[in-house]
PDB file of N, CA and C in Angstrom:
ATOM      1  N   UNK A   1      86.912  81.976 113.694  1.00  0.00           N
ATOM      2  CA  UNK A   1      88.679  81.903 114.494  1.00  0.00           C
ATOM      3  C   UNK A   1      89.667  82.921 114.009  1.00  0.00           C
ATOM      4  N   UNK A   2      89.635  83.299 113.108  1.00  0.00           N
ATOM      5  CA  UNK A   2      90.798  84.453 112.137  1.00  0.00           C
ATOM      6  C   UNK A   2      90.073  85.597 112.394  1.00  0.00           C
ATOM      7  N   UNK A   3      89.201  86.109 113.365  1.00  0.00           N
ATOM      8  CA  UNK A   3      88.671  87.786 112.987  1.00  0.00           C
ATOM      9  C   UNK A   3      88.699  88.107 111.627  1.00  0.00           C
ATOM     10  N   UNK A   4      88.672  87.327 110.413  1.00  0.00           N
ATOM     11  CA  UNK A   4      88.761  88.206 109.141  1.00  0.00           C
ATOM     12  C   UNK A   4      87.763  87.790 108.227  1.00  0.00           C
ATOM     13  N   UNK A   5      87.518  88.601 107.316  1.00  0.00           N
ATOM     14  CA  UNK A   5      86.035  88.598 106.298  1.00  0.00           C
ATOM     15  C   UNK A   5      87.212  87.356 105.605  1.00  0.00           C
ATOM     16  N   UNK A   6      85.974  86.726 105.120  1.00  0.00           N
ATOM     17  CA  UNK A   6      86.379  85.802 103.709  1.00  0.00           C
ATOM     18  C   UNK A   6      87.409  86.307 102.696  1.00  0.00           C
ATOM     19  N   UNK A   7      86.409  86.960 102.136  1.00  0.00           N
ATOM     20  CA  UNK A   7      87.546  88.080 100.842  1.00  0.00           C
ATOM     21  C   UNK A   7      87.628  89.848 101.406  1.00  0.00           C
ATOM     22  N   UNK A   8      88.400  90.453 101.804  1.00  0.00           N
ATOM     23  CA  UNK A   8      89.020  91.469 102.435  1.00  0.00           C
ATOM     24  C   UNK A   8      89.867  92.218 101.361  1.00  0.00           C
ATOM     25  N   UNK A   9      89.412  93.160 100.098  1.00  0.00           N
ATOM     26  CA  UNK A   9      89.724  94.060  99.651  1.00  0.00           C
ATOM     27  C   UNK A   9      90.298  94.853 100.273  1.00  0.00           C
ATOM     28  N   UNK A  10      90.414  94.969 101.395  1.00  0.00           N
ATOM     29  CA  UNK A  10      90.706  96.097 101.959  1.00  0.00           C
ATOM     30  C   UNK A  10      92.410  96.362 102.578  1.00  0.00           C
ATOM     31  N   UNK A  11      93.134  94.785 102.024  1.00  0.00           N
ATOM     32  CA  UNK A  11      93.707  94.253 103.074  1.00  0.00           C
ATOM     33  C   UNK A  11      95.123  95.031 101.877  1.00  0.00           C
ATOM     34  N   UNK A  12      96.112  95.254 102.368  1.00  0.00           N
ATOM     35  CA  UNK A  12      97.549  96.042 101.126  1.00  0.00           C
ATOM     36  C   UNK A  12      97.312  95.027 100.698  1.00  0.00           C
ATOM     37  N   UNK A  13      98.284  95.206  99.218  1.00  0.00           N
ATOM     38  CA  UNK A  13      98.641  94.365  98.665  1.00  0.00           C
ATOM     39  C   UNK A  13      99.009  93.354  98.841  1.00  0.00           C
ATOM     40  N   UNK A  14     100.484  93.570  99.578  1.00  0.00           N
ATOM     41  CA  UNK A  14     101.305  92.297 100.311  1.00  0.00           C
ATOM     42  C   UNK A  14     100.538  91.480 100.938  1.00  0.00           C
ATOM     43  N   UNK A  15      99.153  91.798 101.574  1.00  0.00           N
ATOM     44  CA  UNK A  15      98.689  90.664 102.296  1.00  0.00           C
ATOM     45  C   UNK A  15      97.683  89.693 101.431  1.00  0.00           C
ATOM     46  N   UNK A  16      97.450  88.669 101.804  1.00  0.00           N
ATOM     47  CA  UNK A  16      96.490  87.556 101.274  1.00  0.00           C
ATOM     48  C   UNK A  16      95.343  88.660 101.693  1.00  0.00           C
ATOM     49  N   UNK A  17      94.445  88.602 100.370  1.00  0.00           N
ATOM     50  CA  UNK A  17      92.530  89.242 100.460  1.00  0.00           C
ATOM     51  C   UNK A  17      91.484  88.091 100.538  1.00  0.00           C
ATOM     52  N   UNK A  18      92.099  86.996 100.505  1.00  0.00           N
ATOM     53  CA  UNK A  18      90.922  85.832 100.334  1.00  0.00           C
ATOM     54  C   UNK A  18      91.678  84.927 101.126  1.00  0.00           C
ATOM     55  N   UNK A  19      90.710  84.756 102.551  1.00  0.00           N
ATOM     56  CA  UNK A  19      91.050  84.117 103.840  1.00  0.00           C
ATOM     57  C   UNK A  19      91.693  82.462 103.419  1.00  0.00           C
ATOM     58  N   UNK A  20      90.791  82.017 102.384  1.00  0.00           N
ATOM     59  CA  UNK A  20      91.062  80.425 102.173  1.00  0.00           C
ATOM     60  C   UNK A  20      92.136  80.327 101.381  1.00  0.00           C
ATOM     61  N   UNK A  21      92.754  81.147 101.157  1.00  0.00           N
ATOM     62  CA  UNK A  21      94.373  81.265 100.209  1.00  0.00           C
ATOM     63  C   UNK A  21      95.351  81.303 101.542  1.00  0.00           C
ATOM     64  N   UNK A  22      95.117  82.266 102.388  1.00  0.00           N
ATOM     65  CA  UNK A  22      95.690  81.974 103.088  1.00  0.00           C
ATOM     66  C   UNK A  22      95.690  80.692 104.343  1.00  0.00           C
ATOM     67  N   UNK A  23      94.503  79.965 104.523  1.00  0.00           N
ATOM     68  CA  UNK A  23      94.197  78.661 105.359  1.00  0.00           C
ATOM     69  C   UNK A  23      94.833  78.030 104.432  1.00  0.00           C
ATOM     70  N   UNK A  24      95.175  77.686 103.027  1.00  0.00           N
ATOM     71  CA  UNK A  24      95.334  76.464 102.197  1.00  0.00           C
ATOM     72  C   UNK A  24      97.187  76.639 102.432  1.00  0.00           C
ATOM     73  N   UNK A  25      98.005  78.310 102.487  1.00  0.00           N
ATOM     74  CA  UNK A  25      98.880  78.186 102.126  1.00  0.00           C
ATOM     75  C   UNK A  25      99.258  77.726 103.588  1.00  0.00           C
ATOM     76  N   UNK A  26      99.078  78.534 104.975  1.00  0.00           N
ATOM     77  CA  UNK A  26      99.485  77.633 106.461  1.00  0.00           C
ATOM     78  C   UNK A  26      99.213  76.232 106.790  1.00  0.00           C
ATOM     79  N   UNK A  27      98.181  75.587 106.024  1.00  0.00           N
ATOM     80  CA  UNK A  27      97.652  73.821 106.388  1.00  0.00           C
ATOM     81  C   UNK A  27      99.560  73.794 105.286  1.00  0.00           C
ATOM     82  N   UNK A  28      99.647  73.746 104.405  1.00  0.00           N
ATOM     83  CA  UNK A  28     100.697  72.975 103.325  1.00  0.00           C
ATOM     84  C   UNK A  28     102.178  73.598 104.858  1.00  0.00           C
ATOM     85  N   UNK A  29     102.235  74.881 105.190  1.00  0.00           N
ATOM     86  CA  UNK A  29     103.310  74.883 106.130  1.00  0.00           C
ATOM     87  C   UNK A  29     103.476  74.407 108.045  1.00  0.00           C
ATOM     88  N   UNK A  30     102.022  73.612 107.705  1.00  0.00           N
ATOM     89  CA  UNK A  30     101.749  73.395 108.687  1.00  0.00           C
ATOM     90  C   UNK A  30     102.196  74.077 109.842  1.00  0.00           C
ATOM     91  N   UNK A  31     101.578  75.299 109.541  1.00  0.00           N
ATOM     92  CA  UNK A  31     101.397  77.103 110.652  1.00  0.00           C
ATOM     93  C   UNK A  31     100.030  77.337 110.405  1.00  0.00           C
ATOM     94  N   UNK A  32      99.080  76.827 110.831  1.00  0.00           N
ATOM     95  CA  UNK A  32      97.870  76.998 110.917  1.00  0.00           C
ATOM     96  C   UNK A  32      98.105  77.646 112.167  1.00  0.00           C
ATOM     97  N   UNK A  33      97.673  78.062 113.135  1.00  0.00           N
ATOM     98  CA  UNK A  33      97.689  78.578 114.137  1.00  0.00           C
ATOM     99  C   UNK A  33      97.945  80.244 113.671  1.00  0.00           C
ATOM    100  N   UNK A  34      98.890  80.467 112.455  1.00  0.00           N
ATOM    101  CA  UNK A  34      98.893  81.517 111.495  1.00  0.00           C
ATOM    102  C   UNK A  34      97.813  82.227 112.094  1.00  0.00           C
ATOM    103  N   UNK A  35      96.936  81.524 111.640  1.00  0.00           N
ATOM    104  CA  UNK A  35      95.379  82.695 110.815  1.00  0.00           C
ATOM    105  C   UNK A  35      94.801  82.424 111.853  1.00  0.00           C
ATOM    106  N   UNK A  36      94.992  82.555 113.345  1.00  0.00           N
ATOM    107  CA  UNK A  36      93.711  82.517 114.598  1.00  0.00           C
ATOM    108  C   UNK A  36      94.078  83.854 114.923  1.00  0.00           C
ATOM    109  N   UNK A  37      93.085  84.094 115.945  1.00  0.00           N
ATOM    110  CA  UNK A  37      92.672  85.752 115.967  1.00  0.00           C
ATOM    111  C   UNK A  37      93.442  86.149 116.895  1.00  0.00           C
ATOM    112  N   UNK A  38      94.914  86.703 117.285  1.00  0.00           N
ATOM    113  CA  UNK A  38      95.638  86.098 118.341  1.00  0.00           C
ATOM    114  C   UNK A  38      94.499  87.398 119.843  1.00  0.00           C
ATOM    115  N   UNK A  39      93.966  88.269 119.064  1.00  0.00           N
ATOM    116  CA  UNK A  39      92.913  89.149 120.373  1.00  0.00           C
ATOM    117  C   UNK A  39      92.122  88.261 121.234  1.00  0.00           C
ATOM    118  N   UNK A  40      92.052  87.024 120.906  1.00  0.00           N
ATOM    119  CA  UNK A  40      91.218  86.527 121.806  1.00  0.00           C
ATOM    120  C   UNK A  40      91.935  85.294 122.512  1.00  0.00           C
ATOM    121  N   UNK A  41      91.976  85.763 123.552  1.00  0.00           N
ATOM    122  CA  UNK A  41      92.823  85.135 125.042  1.00  0.00           C
ATOM    123  C   UNK A  41      91.924  83.656 124.860  1.00  0.00           C
ATOM    124  N   UNK A  42      91.119  83.171 124.926  1.00  0.00           N
ATOM    125  CA  UNK A  42      90.563  82.142 124.800  1.00  0.00           C
ATOM    126  C   UNK A  42      91.072  81.343 123.460  1.00  0.00           C
ATOM    127  N   UNK A  43      91.204  81.717 122.444  1.00  0.00           N
ATOM    128  CA  UNK A  43      92.047  80.664 121.637  1.00  0.00           C
ATOM    129  C   UNK A  43      93.373  80.386 122.298  1.00  0.00           C
ATOM    130  N   UNK A  44      93.864  81.497 122.731  1.00  0.00           N
ATOM    131  CA  UNK A  44      95.498  81.929 122.580  1.00  0.00           C
ATOM    132  C   UNK A  44      95.876  80.457 123.662  1.00  0.00           C
ATOM    133  N   UNK A  45      94.980  80.371 124.698  1.00  0.00           N
ATOM    134  CA  UNK A  45      94.909  79.501 126.299  1.00  0.00           C
ATOM    135  C   UNK A  45      94.545  78.246 125.543  1.00  0.00           C
ATOM    136  N   UNK A  46      93.932  77.869 124.162  1.00  0.00           N
ATOM    137  CA  UNK A  46      93.743  77.037 123.712  1.00  0.00           C
ATOM    138  C   UNK A  46      94.385  76.418 122.191  1.00  0.00           C
ATOM    139  N   UNK A  47      95.360  76.639 122.188  1.00  0.00           N
ATOM    140  CA  UNK A  47      95.577  76.820 120.688  1.00  0.00           C
ATOM    141  C   UNK A  47      96.055  75.589 120.079  1.00  0.00           C
ATOM    142  N   UNK A  48      96.070  74.215 120.713  1.00  0.00           N
ATOM    143  CA  UNK A  48      96.278  72.918 119.928  1.00  0.00           C
ATOM    144  C   UNK A  48      94.558  72.559 119.775  1.00  0.00           C
ATOM    145  N   UNK A  49      93.346  72.846 120.388  1.00  0.00           N
ATOM    146  CA  UNK A  49      92.384  72.934 120.341  1.00  0.00           C
ATOM    147  C   UNK A  49      92.138  73.424 118.923  1.00  0.00           C
ATOM    148  N   UNK A  50      92.266  74.796 119.256  1.00  0.00           N
ATOM    149  CA  UNK A  50      91.964  76.045 117.622  1.00  0.00           C
ATOM    150  C   UNK A  50      92.526  75.272 116.479  1.00  0.00           C
ATOM    151  N   UNK A  51      93.279  74.483 116.633  1.00  0.00           N
ATOM    152  CA  UNK A  51      94.166  73.856 115.376  1.00  0.00           C
ATOM    153  C   UNK A  51      93.280  72.519 115.049  1.00  0.00           C
ATOM    154  N   UNK A  52      93.189  71.908 116.178  1.00  0.00           N
ATOM    155  CA  UNK A  52      92.001  71.009 115.677  1.00  0.00           C
ATOM    156  C   UNK A  52      90.910  71.275 115.002  1.00  0.00           C
ATOM    157  N   UNK A  53      90.412  72.291 115.559  1.00  0.00           N
ATOM    158  CA  UNK A  53      88.913  72.556 114.870  1.00  0.00           C
ATOM    159  C   UNK A  53      89.178  73.153 113.643  1.00  0.00           C
ATOM    160  N   UNK A  54      89.872  73.931 113.521  1.00  0.00           N
ATOM    161  CA  UNK A  54      90.640  74.543 111.868  1.00  0.00           C
ATOM    162  C   UNK A  54      90.577  73.378 111.532  1.00  0.00           C
ATOM    163  N   UNK A  55      91.358  72.452 111.376  1.00  0.00           N
ATOM    164  CA  UNK A  55      91.949  71.088 110.360  1.00  0.00           C
ATOM    165  C   UNK A  55      90.660  70.409 109.936  1.00  0.00           C
ATOM    166  N   UNK A  56      89.904  69.986 111.366  1.00  0.00           N
ATOM    167  CA  UNK A  56      88.765  69.698 111.147  1.00  0.00           C
ATOM    168  C   UNK A  56      87.447  69.943 109.689  1.00  0.00           C
ATOM    169  N   UNK A  57      87.592  71.571 110.357  1.00  0.00           N
ATOM    170  CA  UNK A  57      87.020  72.230 109.073  1.00  0.00           C
ATOM    171  C   UNK A  57      87.424  72.137 107.914  1.00  0.00           C
ATOM    172  N   UNK A  58      88.717  71.898 107.730  1.00  0.00           N
ATOM    173  CA  UNK A  58      89.535  71.494 105.928  1.00  0.00           C
ATOM    174  C   UNK A  58      89.452  70.535 105.871  1.00  0.00           C
ATOM    175  N   UNK A  59      89.110  69.278 106.694  1.00  0.00           N
ATOM    176  CA  UNK A  59      88.939  68.324 106.021  1.00  0.00           C
ATOM    177  C   UNK A  59      86.999  68.140 105.591  1.00  0.00           C
ATOM    178  N   UNK A  60      86.832  68.722 106.373  1.00  0.00           N
ATOM    179  CA  UNK A  60      85.022  68.815 105.901  1.00  0.00           C
ATOM    180  C   UNK A  60      84.279  69.131 105.045  1.00  0.00           C
ATOM    181  N   UNK A  61      85.953  70.482 104.087  1.00  0.00           N
ATOM    182  CA  UNK A  61      85.706  70.670 103.193  1.00  0.00           C
ATOM    183  C   UNK A  61      86.462  70.091 101.891  1.00  0.00           C
ATOM    184  N   UNK A  62      86.611  69.155 101.407  1.00  0.00           N
ATOM    185  CA  UNK A  62      87.834  68.302 100.875  1.00  0.00           C
ATOM    186  C   UNK A  62      86.499  68.265  99.519  1.00  0.00           C
ATOM    187  N   UNK A  63      87.200  67.840  98.636  1.00  0.00           N
ATOM    188  CA  UNK A  63      85.857  67.930  96.872  1.00  0.00           C
ATOM    189  C   UNK A  63      85.338  66.129  97.311  1.00  0.00           C
ATOM    190  N   UNK A  64      86.021  65.058  97.256  1.00  0.00           N
ATOM    191  CA  UNK A  64      85.785  64.096  97.185  1.00  0.00           C
ATOM    192  C   UNK A  64      84.993  63.625  99.195  1.00  0.00           C
ATOM    193  N   UNK A  65      83.800  63.427  98.831  1.00  0.00           N
ATOM    194  CA  UNK A  65      83.126  63.008  99.637  1.00  0.00           C
ATOM    195  C   UNK A  65      83.337  61.923 100.499  1.00  0.00           C
ATOM    196  N   UNK A  66      83.893  60.808  99.980  1.00  0.00           N
ATOM    197  CA  UNK A  66      84.767  59.739 100.303  1.00  0.00           C
ATOM    198  C   UNK A  66      86.287  59.871 101.872  1.00  0.00           C
ATOM    199  N   UNK A  67      86.384  61.451 101.174  1.00  0.00           N
ATOM    200  CA  UNK A  67      87.507  61.585 101.829  1.00  0.00           C
ATOM    201  C   UNK A  67      86.960  62.648 103.586  1.00  0.00           C
ATOM    202  N   UNK A  68      86.072  63.027 103.193  1.00  0.00           N
ATOM    203  CA  UNK A  68      85.499  64.030 104.359  1.00  0.00           C
ATOM    204  C   UNK A  68      84.681  62.966 106.002  1.00  0.00           C
ATOM    205  N   UNK A  69      85.045  63.319 106.956  1.00  0.00           N
ATOM    206  CA  UNK A  69      84.747  62.901 107.968  1.00  0.00           C
ATOM    207  C   UNK A  69      83.034  62.740 108.184  1.00  0.00           C
ATOM    208  N   UNK A  70      82.996  61.534 108.206  1.00  0.00           N
ATOM    209  CA  UNK A  70      81.390  61.669 108.919  1.00  0.00           C
ATOM    210  C   UNK A  70      81.027  62.568 110.004  1.00  0.00           C
ATOM    211  N   UNK A  71      80.078  63.412 110.444  1.00  0.00           N
ATOM    212  CA  UNK A  71      79.960  63.676 111.904  1.00  0.00           C
ATOM    213  C   UNK A  71      79.854  63.113 112.592  1.00  0.00           C
ATOM    214  N   UNK A  72      79.704  61.981 113.335  1.00  0.00           N
ATOM    215  CA  UNK A  72      80.333  61.331 114.411  1.00  0.00           C
ATOM    216  C   UNK A  72      81.649  60.893 114.498  1.00  0.00           C
ATOM    217  N   UNK A  73      82.577  61.592 113.485  1.00  0.00           N
ATOM    218  CA  UNK A  73      84.002  61.165 113.375  1.00  0.00           C
ATOM    219  C   UNK A  73      84.417  62.466 113.695  1.00  0.00           C
ATOM    220  N   UNK A  74      83.812  63.669 113.130  1.00  0.00           N
ATOM    221  CA  UNK A  74      84.134  64.635 113.785  1.00  0.00           C
ATOM    222  C   UNK A  74      83.684  65.701 114.882  1.00  0.00           C
ATOM    223  N   UNK A  75      82.732  64.843 115.546  1.00  0.00           N
ATOM    224  CA  UNK A  75      82.943  64.923 117.421  1.00  0.00           C
ATOM    225  C   UNK A  75      83.842  64.089 117.847  1.00  0.00           C
ATOM    226  N   UNK A  76      84.098  62.910 117.600  1.00  0.00           N
ATOM    227  CA  UNK A  76      84.883  62.436 117.885  1.00  0.00           C
ATOM    228  C   UNK A  76      86.194  62.874 117.805  1.00  0.00           C
ATOM    229  N   UNK A  77      86.997  63.848 116.290  1.00  0.00           N
ATOM    230  CA  UNK A  77      87.878  64.488 116.660  1.00  0.00           C
ATOM    231  C   UNK A  77      87.704  65.965 117.444  1.00  0.00           C
ATOM    232  N   UNK A  78      86.557  66.105 117.581  1.00  0.00           N
ATOM    233  CA  UNK A  78      87.026  67.469 118.276  1.00  0.00           C
ATOM    234  C   UNK A  78      86.331  67.544 119.967  1.00  0.00           C
ATOM    235  N   UNK A  79      86.168  66.211 119.919  1.00  0.00           N
ATOM    236  CA  UNK A  79      86.697  66.078 121.771  1.00  0.00           C
ATOM    237  C   UNK A  79      87.884  64.721 121.940  1.00  0.00           C
ATOM    238  N   UNK A  80      88.732  65.011 121.072  1.00  0.00           N
ATOM    239  CA  UNK A  80      89.908  64.442 121.242  1.00  0.00           C
ATOM    240  C   UNK A  80      90.258  63.132 121.434  1.00  0.00           C
ATOM    241  N   UNK A  81      89.185  62.485 121.249  1.00  0.00           N
ATOM    242  CA  UNK A  81      89.494  61.227 121.038  1.00  0.00           C
ATOM    243  C   UNK A  81      89.640  60.017 120.146  1.00  0.00           C
ATOM    244  N   UNK A  82      90.129  60.624 118.637  1.00  0.00           N
ATOM    245  CA  UNK A  82      90.959  60.389 117.820  1.00  0.00           C
ATOM    246  C   UNK A  82      90.992  61.105 116.764  1.00  0.00           C
ATOM    247  N   UNK A  83      92.265  60.813 116.184  1.00  0.00           N
ATOM    248  CA  UNK A  83      93.508  62.041 115.579  1.00  0.00           C
ATOM    249  C   UNK A  83      92.456  62.331 114.421  1.00  0.00           C
ATOM    250  N   UNK A  84      92.760  63.537 113.502  1.00  0.00           N
ATOM    251  CA  UNK A  84      92.208  63.640 112.566  1.00  0.00           C
ATOM    252  C   UNK A  84      93.615  63.307 111.345  1.00  0.00           C
ATOM    253  N   UNK A  85      92.586  62.743 110.391  1.00  0.00           N
ATOM    254  CA  UNK A  85      93.817  62.202 109.035  1.00  0.00           C
ATOM    255  C   UNK A  85      94.169  63.129 108.659  1.00  0.00           C
ATOM    256  N   UNK A  86      95.770  63.113 108.193  1.00  0.00           N
ATOM    257  CA  UNK A  86      96.715  63.792 107.152  1.00  0.00           C
ATOM    258  C   UNK A  86      96.269  64.358 106.535  1.00  0.00           C
ATOM    259  N   UNK A  87      95.614  65.304 105.865  1.00  0.00           N
ATOM    260  CA  UNK A  87      96.198  65.942 104.206  1.00  0.00           C
ATOM    261  C   UNK A  87      96.985  66.085 103.542  1.00  0.00           C
ATOM    262  N   UNK A  88      97.410  65.298 102.502  1.00  0.00           N
ATOM    263  CA  UNK A  88      98.093  65.887 101.565  1.00  0.00           C
ATOM    264  C   UNK A  88      98.984  66.562 100.961  1.00  0.00           C
ATOM    265  N   UNK A  89      97.367  66.401 100.365  1.00  0.00           N
ATOM    266  CA  UNK A  89      97.446  67.585  99.186  1.00  0.00           C
ATOM    267  C   UNK A  89      95.703  68.689  99.531  1.00  0.00           C
ATOM    268  N   UNK A  90      96.324  70.107  99.343  1.00  0.00           N
ATOM    269  CA  UNK A  90      95.498  71.374 100.127  1.00  0.00           C
ATOM    270  C   UNK A  90      94.970  71.526  98.866  1.00  0.00           C
ATOM    271  N   UNK A  91      94.917  71.135  97.738  1.00  0.00           N
ATOM    272  CA  UNK A  91      94.339  71.560  96.625  1.00  0.00           C
ATOM    273  C   UNK A  91      92.648  71.591  96.362  1.00  0.00           C
ATOM    274  N   UNK A  92      92.282  72.009  97.016  1.00  0.00           N
ATOM    275  CA  UNK A  92      90.467  71.796  97.269  1.00  0.00           C
ATOM    276  C   UNK A  92      89.997  73.192  97.830  1.00  0.00           C
ATOM    277  N   UNK A  93      91.439  73.556  98.291  1.00  0.00           N
ATOM    278  CA  UNK A  93      91.070  74.965  99.018  1.00  0.00           C
ATOM    279  C   UNK A  93      91.282  76.168  98.172  1.00  0.00           C
ATOM    280  N   UNK A  94      91.385  75.535  96.806  1.00  0.00           N
ATOM    281  CA  UNK A  94      91.673  76.809  95.511  1.00  0.00           C
ATOM    282  C   UNK A  94      90.491  77.036  95.193  1.00  0.00           C
ATOM    283  N   UNK A  95      90.371  78.856  95.357  1.00  0.00           N
ATOM    284  CA  UNK A  95      89.715  79.335  94.389  1.00  0.00           C
ATOM    285  C   UNK A  95      90.191  80.319  93.481  1.00  0.00           C
ATOM    286  N   UNK A  96      89.249  80.291  92.523  1.00  0.00           N
ATOM    287  CA  UNK A  96      89.181  81.606  91.706  1.00  0.00           C
ATOM    288  C   UNK A  96      88.903  82.978  91.911  1.00  0.00           C
ATOM    289  N   UNK A  97      89.684  83.860  92.445  1.00  0.00           N
ATOM    290  CA  UNK A  97      89.379  85.584  92.607  1.00  0.00           C
ATOM    291  C   UNK A  97      88.321  85.991  91.399  1.00  0.00           C
ATOM    292  N   UNK A  98      87.706  86.337  92.272  1.00  0.00           N
ATOM    293  CA  UNK A  98      86.893  87.457  91.253  1.00  0.00           C
ATOM    294  C   UNK A  98      87.578  89.063  91.410  1.00  0.00           C
ATOM    295  N   UNK A  99      87.200  89.791  90.196  1.00  0.00           N
ATOM    296  CA  UNK A  99      87.622  91.042  90.229  1.00  0.00           C
ATOM    297  C   UNK A  99      87.302  91.666  91.063  1.00  0.00           C
ATOM    298  N   UNK A 100      88.504  92.101  91.769  1.00  0.00           N
ATOM    299  CA  UNK A 100      88.370  93.412  92.685  1.00  0.00           C
ATOM    300  C   UNK A 100      87.138  94.770  91.997  1.00  0.00           C
ATOM    301  N   UNK A 101      86.037  94.486  93.225  1.00  0.00           N
ATOM    302  CA  UNK A 101      85.216  95.154  92.824  1.00  0.00           C
ATOM    303  C   UNK A 101      85.778  97.002  92.648  1.00  0.00           C
ATOM    304  N   UNK A 102      84.973  97.861  91.429  1.00  0.00           N
ATOM    305  CA  UNK A 102      85.317  99.345  91.626  1.00  0.00           C
ATOM    306  C   UNK A 102      84.905  99.922  92.536  1.00  0.00           C
ATOM    307  N   UNK A 103      85.187 101.273  92.861  1.00  0.00           N
ATOM    308  CA  UNK A 103      84.715 101.955  93.432  1.00  0.00           C
ATOM    309  C   UNK A 103      83.593 102.827  93.405  1.00  0.00           C
ATOM    310  N   UNK A 104      82.485 102.826  93.880  1.00  0.00           N
ATOM    311  CA  UNK A 104      81.825 103.484  93.000  1.00  0.00           C
ATOM    312  C   UNK A 104      81.691 105.218  93.822  1.00  0.00           C
ATOM    313  N   UNK A 105      81.147 105.823  93.436  1.00  0.00           N
ATOM    314  CA  UNK A 105      80.653 107.248  94.081  1.00  0.00           C
ATOM    315  C   UNK A 105      79.486 107.427  93.931  1.00  0.00           C
ATOM    316  N   UNK A 106      78.634 107.385  94.824  1.00  0.00           N
ATOM    317  CA  UNK A 106      77.214 107.747  94.132  1.00  0.00           C
ATOM    318  C   UNK A 106      76.661 108.862  94.074  1.00  0.00           C
ATOM    319  N   UNK A 107      77.620 109.883  94.823  1.00  0.00           N
ATOM    320  CA  UNK A 107      76.974 111.109  94.646  1.00  0.00           C
ATOM    321  C   UNK A 107      77.037 111.679  93.558  1.00  0.00           C
ATOM    322  N   UNK A 108      78.095 111.503  92.384  1.00  0.00           N
ATOM    323  CA  UNK A 108      77.996 111.573  90.939  1.00  0.00           C
ATOM    324  C   UNK A 108      77.181 111.155  90.466  1.00  0.00           C
ATOM    325  N   UNK A 109      76.079 110.080  90.775  1.00  0.00           N
ATOM    326  CA  UNK A 109      75.278 109.467  89.697  1.00  0.00           C
ATOM    327  C   UNK A 109      74.510 110.008  89.097  1.00  0.00           C
ATOM    328  N   UNK A 110      74.309 109.643  87.832  1.00  0.00           N
ATOM    329  CA  UNK A 110      73.091 110.565  87.097  1.00  0.00           C
ATOM    330  C   UNK A 110      72.256 109.896  87.537  1.00  0.00           C
ATOM    331  N   UNK A 111      71.887 108.663  87.814  1.00  0.00           N
ATOM    332  CA  UNK A 111      70.226 107.614  88.059  1.00  0.00           C
ATOM    333  C   UNK A 111      69.683 108.392  88.910  1.00  0.00           C
ATOM    334  N   UNK A 112      68.670 109.371  88.490  1.00  0.00           N
ATOM    335  CA  UNK A 112      67.830 109.405  89.704  1.00  0.00           C
ATOM    336  C   UNK A 112      67.123 108.628  90.562  1.00  0.00           C
ATOM    337  N   UNK A 113      67.029 108.553  91.781  1.00  0.00           N
ATOM    338  CA  UNK A 113      66.474 107.788  92.654  1.00  0.00           C
ATOM    339  C   UNK A 113      64.831 108.214  92.613  1.00  0.00           C
ATOM    340  N   UNK A 114      64.379 106.752  93.155  1.00  0.00           N
ATOM    341  CA  UNK A 114      62.586 106.867  92.690  1.00  0.00           C
ATOM    342  C   UNK A 114      61.990 107.665  93.370  1.00  0.00           C
ATOM    343  N   UNK A 115      61.268 108.234  93.008  1.00  0.00           N
ATOM    344  CA  UNK A 115      60.410 108.934  94.118  1.00  0.00           C
ATOM    345  C   UNK A 115      59.755 108.628  95.264  1.00  0.00           C
ATOM    346  N   UNK A 116      59.297 107.635  95.328  1.00  0.00           N
ATOM    347  CA  UNK A 116      59.120 106.975  96.723  1.00  0.00           C
ATOM    348  C   UNK A 116      60.231 106.686  97.645  1.00  0.00           C
ATOM    349  N   UNK A 117      61.621 106.872  97.022  1.00  0.00           N
ATOM    350  CA  UNK A 117      62.944 106.814  97.572  1.00  0.00           C
ATOM    351  C   UNK A 117      63.710 108.413  97.903  1.00  0.00           C
ATOM    352  N   UNK A 118      63.389 109.164  96.946  1.00  0.00           N
ATOM    353  CA  UNK A 118      64.060 110.849  97.068  1.00  0.00           C
ATOM    354  C   UNK A 118      63.166 111.229  98.131  1.00  0.00           C
ATOM    355  N   UNK A 119      61.754 111.625  97.976  1.00  0.00           N
ATOM    356  CA  UNK A 119      61.055 112.031  99.310  1.00  0.00           C
ATOM    357  C   UNK A 119      61.046 111.587 100.338  1.00  0.00           C
ATOM    358  N   UNK A 120      60.687 112.859 101.588  1.00  0.00           N
ATOM    359  CA  UNK A 120      60.854 112.683 103.071  1.00  0.00           C
ATOM    360  C   UNK A 120      59.587 112.211 103.045  1.00  0.00           C
ATOM    361  N   UNK A 121      59.412 111.500 104.171  1.00  0.00           N
ATOM    362  CA  UNK A 121      57.478 110.710 104.393  1.00  0.00           C
ATOM    363  C   UNK A 121      57.463 111.982 105.526  1.00  0.00           C
TER     364      UNK A 121
END
């Protein structure tokens, strides 16, 4: 729904490169629609349903399985038959980022390719 990769190191430094961190921040601010891909007209026309889907997905990610909704509850929530329970603590959406990958210049590599890969067929 966001149109973003889970981790995108190509984003500018001032932007969040981890989608999970962005979702956590927006959930805490009650601004989940901010993470939605605004280029999708269907989502724009169904903002409330989009946020309900995101909230449901977040509730399914809770660390404590007792707090996660059952699949039948998920169906009822997505169909709009019941409201999703409010989550007060989003700390389970915390992720420890890995070090940014270093760029490797393959053209300066000194490791020769195996003969089977370097010879044309």
